PDB file of N, CA and C in Angstrom:
ATOM      1  N   UNK A   1       0.829  -1.189   0.008  1.00  0.00           N
ATOM      2  CA  UNK A   1      -0.004   0.006   0.005  1.00  0.00           C
ATOM      3  C   UNK A   1       0.872   1.239  -0.005  1.00  0.00           C
ATOM      4  N   UNK A   2       0.485   2.206  -0.808  1.00  0.00           N
ATOM      5  CA  UNK A   2       1.247   3.464  -0.804  1.00  0.00           C
ATOM      6  C   UNK A   2       0.622   4.428   0.210  1.00  0.00           C
ATOM      7  N   UNK A   3       1.258   5.558   0.425  1.00  0.00           N
ATOM      8  CA  UNK A   3       0.808   6.540   1.432  1.00  0.00           C
ATOM      9  C   UNK A   3      -0.596   7.046   1.140  1.00  0.00           C
ATOM     10  N   UNK A   4      -0.920   7.331  -0.126  1.00  0.00           N
ATOM     11  CA  UNK A   4      -2.252   7.856  -0.448  1.00  0.00           C
ATOM     12  C   UNK A   4      -3.357   6.853  -0.143  1.00  0.00           C
ATOM     13  N   UNK A   5      -3.112   5.570  -0.315  1.00  0.00           N
ATOM     14  CA  UNK A   5      -4.144   4.595  -0.029  1.00  0.00           C
ATOM     15  C   UNK A   5      -4.415   4.441   1.461  1.00  0.00           C
ATOM     16  N   UNK A   6      -3.498   4.891   2.318  1.00  0.00           N
ATOM     17  CA  UNK A   6      -3.674   4.826   3.758  1.00  0.00           C
ATOM     18  C   UNK A   6      -4.423   6.043   4.308  1.00  0.00           C
ATOM     19  N   UNK A   7      -4.557   7.081   3.489  1.00  0.00           N
ATOM     20  CA  UNK A   7      -5.206   8.301   3.955  1.00  0.00           C
ATOM     21  C   UNK A   7      -6.713   8.187   3.912  1.00  0.00           C
ATOM     22  N   UNK A   8      -7.373   8.831   4.843  1.00  0.00           N
ATOM     23  CA  UNK A   8      -8.815   8.915   4.882  1.00  0.00           C
ATOM     24  C   UNK A   8      -9.238  10.079   3.983  1.00  0.00           C
ATOM     25  N   UNK A   9     -10.089   9.808   3.014  1.00  0.00           N
ATOM     26  CA  UNK A   9     -10.580  10.847   2.107  1.00  0.00           C
ATOM     27  C   UNK A   9     -11.904  11.396   2.652  1.00  0.00           C
ATOM     28  N   UNK A  10     -12.002  12.730   2.703  1.00  0.00           N
ATOM     29  CA  UNK A  10     -13.176  13.392   3.278  1.00  0.00           C
ATOM     30  C   UNK A  10     -13.869  14.235   2.227  1.00  0.00           C
ATOM     31  N   UNK A  11     -15.191  14.120   2.162  1.00  0.00           N
ATOM     32  CA  UNK A  11     -16.018  14.972   1.313  1.00  0.00           C
ATOM     33  C   UNK A  11     -16.832  15.865   2.223  1.00  0.00           C
ATOM     34  N   UNK A  12     -16.635  17.161   2.135  1.00  0.00           N
ATOM     35  CA  UNK A  12     -17.386  18.123   2.953  1.00  0.00           C
ATOM     36  C   UNK A  12     -18.490  18.754   2.091  1.00  0.00           C
ATOM     37  N   UNK A  13     -19.708  18.685   2.591  1.00  0.00           N
ATOM     38  CA  UNK A  13     -20.851  19.236   1.858  1.00  0.00           C
ATOM     39  C   UNK A  13     -21.610  20.186   2.791  1.00  0.00           C
ATOM     40  N   UNK A  14     -21.714  21.425   2.390  1.00  0.00           N
ATOM     41  CA  UNK A  14     -22.461  22.433   3.153  1.00  0.00           C
ATOM     42  C   UNK A  14     -22.761  23.577   2.206  1.00  0.00           C
ATOM     43  N   UNK A  15     -23.800  24.350   2.497  1.00  0.00           N
ATOM     44  CA  UNK A  15     -24.151  25.457   1.614  1.00  0.00           C
ATOM     45  C   UNK A  15     -23.424  26.746   1.959  1.00  0.00           C
ATOM     46  N   UNK A  16     -22.568  26.735   2.970  1.00  0.00           N
ATOM     47  CA  UNK A  16     -21.774  27.917   3.318  1.00  0.00           C
ATOM     48  C   UNK A  16     -20.313  27.705   2.888  1.00  0.00           C
ATOM     49  N   UNK A  17     -19.843  28.441   1.885  1.00  0.00           N
ATOM     50  CA  UNK A  17     -18.472  28.242   1.381  1.00  0.00           C
ATOM     51  C   UNK A  17     -17.400  28.431   2.465  1.00  0.00           C
ATOM     52  N   UNK A  18     -17.586  29.358   3.364  1.00  0.00           N
ATOM     53  CA  UNK A  18     -16.574  29.611   4.393  1.00  0.00           C
ATOM     54  C   UNK A  18     -16.438  28.411   5.328  1.00  0.00           C
ATOM     55  N   UNK A  19     -17.542  27.751   5.600  1.00  0.00           N
ATOM     56  CA  UNK A  19     -17.514  26.552   6.442  1.00  0.00           C
ATOM     57  C   UNK A  19     -16.811  25.415   5.709  1.00  0.00           C
ATOM     58  N   UNK A  20     -17.112  25.230   4.426  1.00  0.00           N
ATOM     59  CA  UNK A  20     -16.433  24.183   3.627  1.00  0.00           C
ATOM     60  C   UNK A  20     -14.927  24.430   3.581  1.00  0.00           C
ATOM     61  N   UNK A  21     -14.537  25.685   3.408  1.00  0.00           N
ATOM     62  CA  UNK A  21     -13.101  26.010   3.349  1.00  0.00           C
ATOM     63  C   UNK A  21     -12.433  25.753   4.704  1.00  0.00           C
ATOM     64  N   UNK A  22     -13.122  26.107   5.778  1.00  0.00           N
ATOM     65  CA  UNK A  22     -12.586  25.877   7.117  1.00  0.00           C
ATOM     66  C   UNK A  22     -12.397  24.399   7.409  1.00  0.00           C
ATOM     67  N   UNK A  23     -13.394  23.601   7.063  1.00  0.00           N
ATOM     68  CA  UNK A  23     -13.306  22.162   7.285  1.00  0.00           C
ATOM     69  C   UNK A  23     -12.179  21.569   6.434  1.00  0.00           C
ATOM     70  N   UNK A  24     -12.079  21.996   5.181  1.00  0.00           N
ATOM     71  CA  UNK A  24     -11.013  21.508   4.298  1.00  0.00           C
ATOM     72  C   UNK A  24      -9.640  21.883   4.874  1.00  0.00           C
ATOM     73  N   UNK A  25      -9.527  23.075   5.438  1.00  0.00           N
ATOM     74  CA  UNK A  25      -8.245  23.503   6.022  1.00  0.00           C
ATOM     75  C   UNK A  25      -7.871  22.665   7.237  1.00  0.00           C
ATOM     76  N   UNK A  26      -8.842  22.362   8.079  1.00  0.00           N
ATOM     77  CA  UNK A  26      -8.571  21.511   9.245  1.00  0.00           C
ATOM     78  C   UNK A  26      -8.156  20.106   8.826  1.00  0.00           C
ATOM     79  N   UNK A  27      -8.862  19.574   7.831  1.00  0.00           N
ATOM     80  CA  UNK A  27      -8.540  18.216   7.355  1.00  0.00           C
ATOM     81  C   UNK A  27      -7.161  18.185   6.726  1.00  0.00           C
ATOM     82  N   UNK A  28      -6.814  19.215   5.961  1.00  0.00           N
ATOM     83  CA  UNK A  28      -5.516  19.260   5.274  1.00  0.00           C
ATOM     84  C   UNK A  28      -4.357  19.258   6.267  1.00  0.00           C
ATOM     85  N   UNK A  29      -4.589  19.755   7.483  1.00  0.00           N
ATOM     86  CA  UNK A  29      -3.543  19.776   8.501  1.00  0.00           C
ATOM     87  C   UNK A  29      -3.256  18.413   9.096  1.00  0.00           C
ATOM     88  N   UNK A  30      -4.172  17.466   8.908  1.00  0.00           N
ATOM     89  CA  UNK A  30      -3.996  16.122   9.462  1.00  0.00           C
ATOM     90  C   UNK A  30      -3.178  15.276   8.505  1.00  0.00           C
ATOM     91  N   UNK A  31      -2.230  14.535   9.041  1.00  0.00           N
ATOM     92  CA  UNK A  31      -1.342  13.753   8.172  1.00  0.00           C
ATOM     93  C   UNK A  31      -2.026  12.518   7.582  1.00  0.00           C
ATOM     94  N   UNK A  32      -3.088  12.026   8.218  1.00  0.00           N
ATOM     95  CA  UNK A  32      -3.735  10.807   7.721  1.00  0.00           C
ATOM     96  C   UNK A  32      -5.070  11.081   7.039  1.00  0.00           C
ATOM     97  N   UNK A  33      -5.369  12.351   6.764  1.00  0.00           N
ATOM     98  CA  UNK A  33      -6.622  12.717   6.087  1.00  0.00           C
ATOM     99  C   UNK A  33      -6.339  13.641   4.924  1.00  0.00           C
ATOM    100  N   UNK A  34      -7.210  13.605   3.930  1.00  0.00           N
ATOM    101  CA  UNK A  34      -7.068  14.503   2.801  1.00  0.00           C
ATOM    102  C   UNK A  34      -8.460  14.938   2.307  1.00  0.00           C
ATOM    103  N   UNK A  35      -8.645  16.248   2.100  1.00  0.00           N
ATOM    104  CA  UNK A  35      -9.923  16.684   1.549  1.00  0.00           C
ATOM    105  C   UNK A  35      -9.938  16.393   0.044  1.00  0.00           C
ATOM    106  N   UNK A  36     -10.924  15.651  -0.428  1.00  0.00           N
ATOM    107  CA  UNK A  36     -10.980  15.296  -1.837  1.00  0.00           C
ATOM    108  C   UNK A  36     -11.692  16.377  -2.659  1.00  0.00           C
ATOM    109  N   UNK A  37     -12.778  16.837  -2.137  1.00  0.00           N
ATOM    110  CA  UNK A  37     -13.515  17.905  -2.799  1.00  0.00           C
ATOM    111  C   UNK A  37     -14.559  18.430  -1.829  1.00  0.00           C
ATOM    112  N   UNK A  38     -15.216  19.462  -2.210  1.00  0.00           N
ATOM    113  CA  UNK A  38     -16.288  19.964  -1.362  1.00  0.00           C
ATOM    114  C   UNK A  38     -17.492  20.222  -2.270  1.00  0.00           C
ATOM    115  N   UNK A  39     -18.661  20.188  -1.681  1.00  0.00           N
ATOM    116  CA  UNK A  39     -19.871  20.384  -2.444  1.00  0.00           C
ATOM    117  C   UNK A  39     -20.846  21.258  -1.719  1.00  0.00           C
ATOM    118  N   UNK A  40     -21.745  21.776  -2.485  1.00  0.00           N
ATOM    119  CA  UNK A  40     -22.793  22.628  -1.924  1.00  0.00           C
ATOM    120  C   UNK A  40     -24.065  21.815  -1.837  1.00  0.00           C
ATOM    121  N   UNK A  41     -24.747  21.900  -0.719  1.00  0.00           N
ATOM    122  CA  UNK A  41     -26.001  21.151  -0.567  1.00  0.00           C
ATOM    123  C   UNK A  41     -27.190  21.962  -1.021  1.00  0.00           C
TER     124      UNK A  41
END
């Protein structure tokens, strides 16, 4: 297994862009998580 396959991929969905960006920023700081994309509900 490579490093990317060990990471938890997170999809953040909310209708507030600032909240999606904040969640993506927190996730990006974690070594075992990666934000894949974000969506609007």
